[in-house]
Amino acid sequence: MTALSALNTLHQTGLFGNYQNKNEDGLITISEVKNIKIIQIVHYKKSNLKISSINLDNLKFPEKAMFSNSNNETRILWNSPNNWIVVSTSKDILNNIKKKCDDKNFAVTDLSQSRTVIELKGKSIKEILKKGCPINFNEFKLNNCANSVFHGITITIDMINDSPETFRIFALRSFGESLYHSVTDACLEDGYRGI
């Protein structure tokens, strides 16, 4: 069986919107992030194990709201108290998590096929996101993440780079098409490049 992404037949490459007479390198880029693992980890309240004692891919679990830790393969996003989302390109990440996070202390759930992930890159991304999301993006910085909404669709948003500004937006797979249409519509005014 072949796994198909939620945007398999929807995402298009090329130039769209108000891109005429603009430098293509200055345009916002939109892409779908595929072939990643998305794992939710919940630390049980009854657990005596301290989360600060665990290292996953040489990363600590962020214990402060709205922060993430990362390396070249893996990002750990604070999702809520005692709850994290691990996003990784490593094929062994689930096995590594299960070695570190036993079922007596943690609930580990593979969310990979249940999410749509859209990546936005460019200098005016924060202005685009302000069109549909109530977060104060003026204070959003590299390695900040948050749960919010975009045009009424529940999302998790993660700033993965600040030069150029790059955000990943996660939503339930069933809302993938609606999110994609909302995001691309918000980008039409400035023009964008689908990659």
Protein backbone atom coordinates (compact mmCIF):
# COMPACT_ATOMS: atom_id res chain seq x y z
CA MET A 1 0.00 0.00 0.00
CA THR A 2 1.26 3.47 -0.87
CA ALA A 3 0.71 6.31 1.59
CA LEU A 4 -0.62 9.45 -0.10
CA SER A 5 -0.44 12.86 1.48
CA ALA A 6 -3.56 14.91 2.12
CA LEU A 7 -2.47 17.44 -0.50
CA ASN A 8 -1.35 14.86 -3.07
CA THR A 9 -3.70 16.06 -5.81
CA LEU A 10 -4.08 19.65 -4.57
CA HIS A 11 -0.65 21.22 -4.10
CA GLN A 12 0.67 22.80 -7.29
CA THR A 13 4.09 24.05 -8.20
CA GLY A 14 4.62 27.31 -10.06
CA LEU A 15 3.93 31.02 -9.59
CA PHE A 16 0.56 32.27 -8.34
CA GLY A 17 -1.14 35.51 -7.37
CA ASN A 18 0.45 38.93 -7.68
CA TYR A 19 3.96 37.75 -8.64
CA GLN A 20 4.36 39.80 -11.83
CA ASN A 21 7.29 42.23 -11.90
CA LYS A 22 8.67 40.78 -8.65
CA ASN A 23 11.94 39.00 -8.03
CA GLU A 24 11.13 35.30 -7.72
CA ASP A 25 13.68 34.93 -4.92
CA GLY A 26 11.69 37.45 -2.86
CA LEU A 27 8.40 35.57 -3.19
CA ILE A 28 6.88 33.49 -0.43
CA THR A 29 7.31 29.77 -1.03
CA ILE A 30 4.73 27.18 -0.06
CA SER A 31 5.47 23.49 0.11
CA GLU A 32 4.01 20.38 1.66
CA VAL A 33 6.28 18.61 4.12
CA LYS A 34 6.22 14.87 3.50
CA ASN A 35 8.10 11.81 4.71
CA ILE A 36 8.37 12.89 8.31
CA LYS A 37 7.38 11.17 11.52
CA ILE A 38 5.10 13.04 13.91
CA ILE A 39 4.89 11.47 17.36
CA GLN A 40 2.94 12.72 20.36
CA ILE A 41 4.43 12.00 23.79
CA VAL A 42 2.40 12.47 26.97
CA HIS A 43 4.12 12.18 30.36
CA TYR A 44 1.76 10.61 32.89
CA LYS A 45 0.98 12.65 35.99
CA LYS A 46 1.52 9.58 38.20
CA SER A 47 5.04 9.10 36.83
CA ASN A 48 8.00 9.60 39.15
CA LEU A 49 10.39 9.94 36.21
CA LYS A 50 11.61 13.50 35.67
CA ILE A 51 11.32 14.65 32.06
CA SER A 52 14.55 16.62 32.46
CA SER A 53 16.43 13.31 32.78
CA ILE A 54 15.50 12.22 29.25
CA ASN A 55 17.52 12.98 26.14
CA LEU A 56 16.05 12.17 22.73
CA ASP A 57 18.44 12.50 19.78
CA ASN A 58 20.62 14.64 22.08
CA LEU A 59 17.68 16.97 22.72
CA LYS A 60 15.95 17.84 25.97
CA PHE A 61 12.17 18.07 26.12
CA PRO A 62 11.27 21.78 26.35
CA GLU A 63 9.52 22.46 29.64
CA LYS A 64 8.54 26.04 28.87
CA ALA A 65 5.40 26.88 26.91
CA MET A 66 5.77 27.86 23.25
CA PHE A 67 9.32 26.53 22.82
CA SER A 68 10.92 23.79 20.77
CA ASN A 69 14.36 22.19 20.67
CA SER A 70 15.92 20.88 17.49
CA ASN A 71 18.84 19.42 15.62
CA ASN A 72 19.24 18.51 11.93
CA GLU A 73 16.79 15.58 12.05
CA THR A 74 14.45 16.11 14.98
CA ARG A 75 12.34 18.84 16.57
CA ILE A 76 10.60 18.51 19.93
CA LEU A 77 7.70 20.96 20.30
CA TRP A 78 6.10 21.82 23.63
CA ASN A 79 2.41 21.07 23.00
CA SER A 80 0.87 21.55 26.47
CA PRO A 81 1.91 20.69 30.03
CA ASN A 82 3.48 17.20 30.01
CA ASN A 83 2.74 16.86 26.29
CA TRP A 84 5.14 17.16 23.33
CA ILE A 85 5.14 16.64 19.59
CA VAL A 86 8.27 15.11 18.07
CA VAL A 87 8.80 15.80 14.37
CA SER A 88 11.62 13.91 12.71
CA THR A 89 13.06 12.75 9.40
CA SER A 90 14.73 9.83 11.20
CA LYS A 91 13.15 6.50 10.28
CA ASP A 92 14.11 5.10 13.70
CA ILE A 93 12.62 7.90 15.78
CA LEU A 94 9.64 5.88 17.02
CA ASN A 95 11.89 3.05 18.21
CA ASN A 96 14.23 5.57 19.86
CA ILE A 97 11.29 7.19 21.63
CA LYS A 98 9.98 3.85 22.87
CA LYS A 99 13.42 3.04 24.31
CA LYS A 100 13.49 6.31 26.25
CA CYS A 101 9.76 6.67 27.05
CA ASP A 102 8.41 3.41 28.48
CA ASP A 103 4.68 2.72 28.62
CA LYS A 104 4.61 2.93 32.43
CA ASN A 105 5.51 6.61 32.31
CA PHE A 106 4.40 7.78 28.87
CA ALA A 107 1.72 7.49 26.21
CA VAL A 108 3.36 7.48 22.78
CA THR A 109 1.17 7.93 19.68
CA ASP A 110 2.24 8.00 16.04
CA LEU A 111 0.33 10.88 14.38
CA SER A 112 2.31 10.84 11.12
CA GLN A 113 -0.51 9.90 8.74
CA SER A 114 -3.11 11.99 10.56
CA ARG A 115 -1.53 15.38 9.93
CA THR A 116 -1.01 17.75 7.03
CA VAL A 117 2.12 19.91 7.25
CA ILE A 118 2.57 23.05 5.16
CA GLU A 119 5.84 24.98 5.13
CA LEU A 120 5.88 28.72 4.41
CA LYS A 121 9.12 30.58 3.74
CA GLY A 122 9.79 34.24 3.01
CA LYS A 123 10.27 37.70 4.44
CA SER A 124 6.57 38.58 4.81
CA ILE A 125 5.32 35.30 6.26
CA LYS A 126 4.33 36.83 9.60
CA GLU A 127 2.09 39.33 7.79
CA ILE A 128 0.46 36.48 5.85
CA LEU A 129 -0.13 34.49 9.05
CA LYS A 130 -1.68 37.54 10.76
CA LYS A 131 -4.46 37.41 8.16
CA GLY A 132 -5.93 34.28 9.71
CA CYS A 133 -4.27 33.62 13.07
CA PRO A 134 -4.69 35.61 16.33
CA ILE A 135 -1.12 34.99 17.59
CA ASN A 136 1.06 38.06 18.16
CA PHE A 137 3.64 37.23 15.49
CA ASN A 138 5.61 40.41 16.25
CA GLU A 139 6.99 38.56 19.29
CA PHE A 140 7.24 35.12 17.65
CA LYS A 141 10.88 34.04 17.29
CA LEU A 142 12.97 31.13 16.09
CA ASN A 143 12.07 27.90 17.95
CA ASN A 144 8.75 29.29 19.15
CA CYS A 145 5.71 27.08 18.63
CA ALA A 146 2.04 27.39 19.56
CA ASN A 147 -1.38 25.88 19.16
CA SER A 148 -3.90 28.25 17.62
CA VAL A 149 -6.33 28.57 14.70
CA PHE A 150 -6.03 29.75 11.12
CA HIS A 151 -9.38 30.83 9.68
CA GLY A 152 -11.12 28.61 12.22
CA ILE A 153 -8.92 25.54 11.59
CA THR A 154 -7.03 24.25 14.63
CA ILE A 155 -3.29 24.32 13.95
CA THR A 156 0.09 23.92 15.55
CA ILE A 157 2.58 26.45 14.24
CA ASP A 158 6.36 26.18 14.55
CA MET A 159 9.01 28.73 13.53
CA ILE A 160 11.91 26.62 12.27
CA ASN A 161 14.16 29.33 10.81
CA ASP A 162 14.56 33.09 10.98
CA SER A 163 16.74 33.65 7.92
CA PRO A 164 14.62 33.43 5.87
CA GLU A 165 11.61 33.25 8.15
CA THR A 166 10.22 29.73 7.85
CA PHE A 167 7.12 28.35 9.53
CA ARG A 168 5.53 24.93 9.55
CA ILE A 169 1.80 24.68 10.07
CA PHE A 170 0.33 21.35 11.24
CA ALA A 171 -3.36 20.50 11.01
CA LEU A 172 -5.51 17.41 11.09
CA ARG A 173 -5.37 15.63 7.75
CA SER A 174 -9.12 16.05 7.29
CA PHE A 175 -8.65 19.84 7.35
CA GLY A 176 -5.61 19.77 5.05
CA GLU A 177 -7.41 20.96 1.92
CA SER A 178 -9.22 23.78 3.73
CA LEU A 179 -6.00 24.90 5.41
CA TYR A 180 -4.12 24.81 2.10
CA HIS A 181 -6.81 26.93 0.39
CA SER A 182 -6.81 29.42 3.29
CA VAL A 183 -3.02 29.74 3.32
CA THR A 184 -2.63 30.06 -0.45
CA ASP A 185 -5.51 32.57 -0.60
CA ALA A 186 -3.77 34.69 2.04
CA CYS A 187 -0.60 34.65 -0.09
CA LEU A 188 -2.22 35.71 -3.41
CA GLU A 189 -1.98 39.45 -2.65
CA ASP A 190 1.83 39.25 -2.41
CA GLY A 191 2.28 36.40 -4.87
CA TYR A 192 3.82 33.06 -4.03
CA ARG A 193 5.74 30.17 -5.48
CA GLY A 194 4.58 26.60 -4.95
CA ILE A 195 7.52 24.22 -4.67
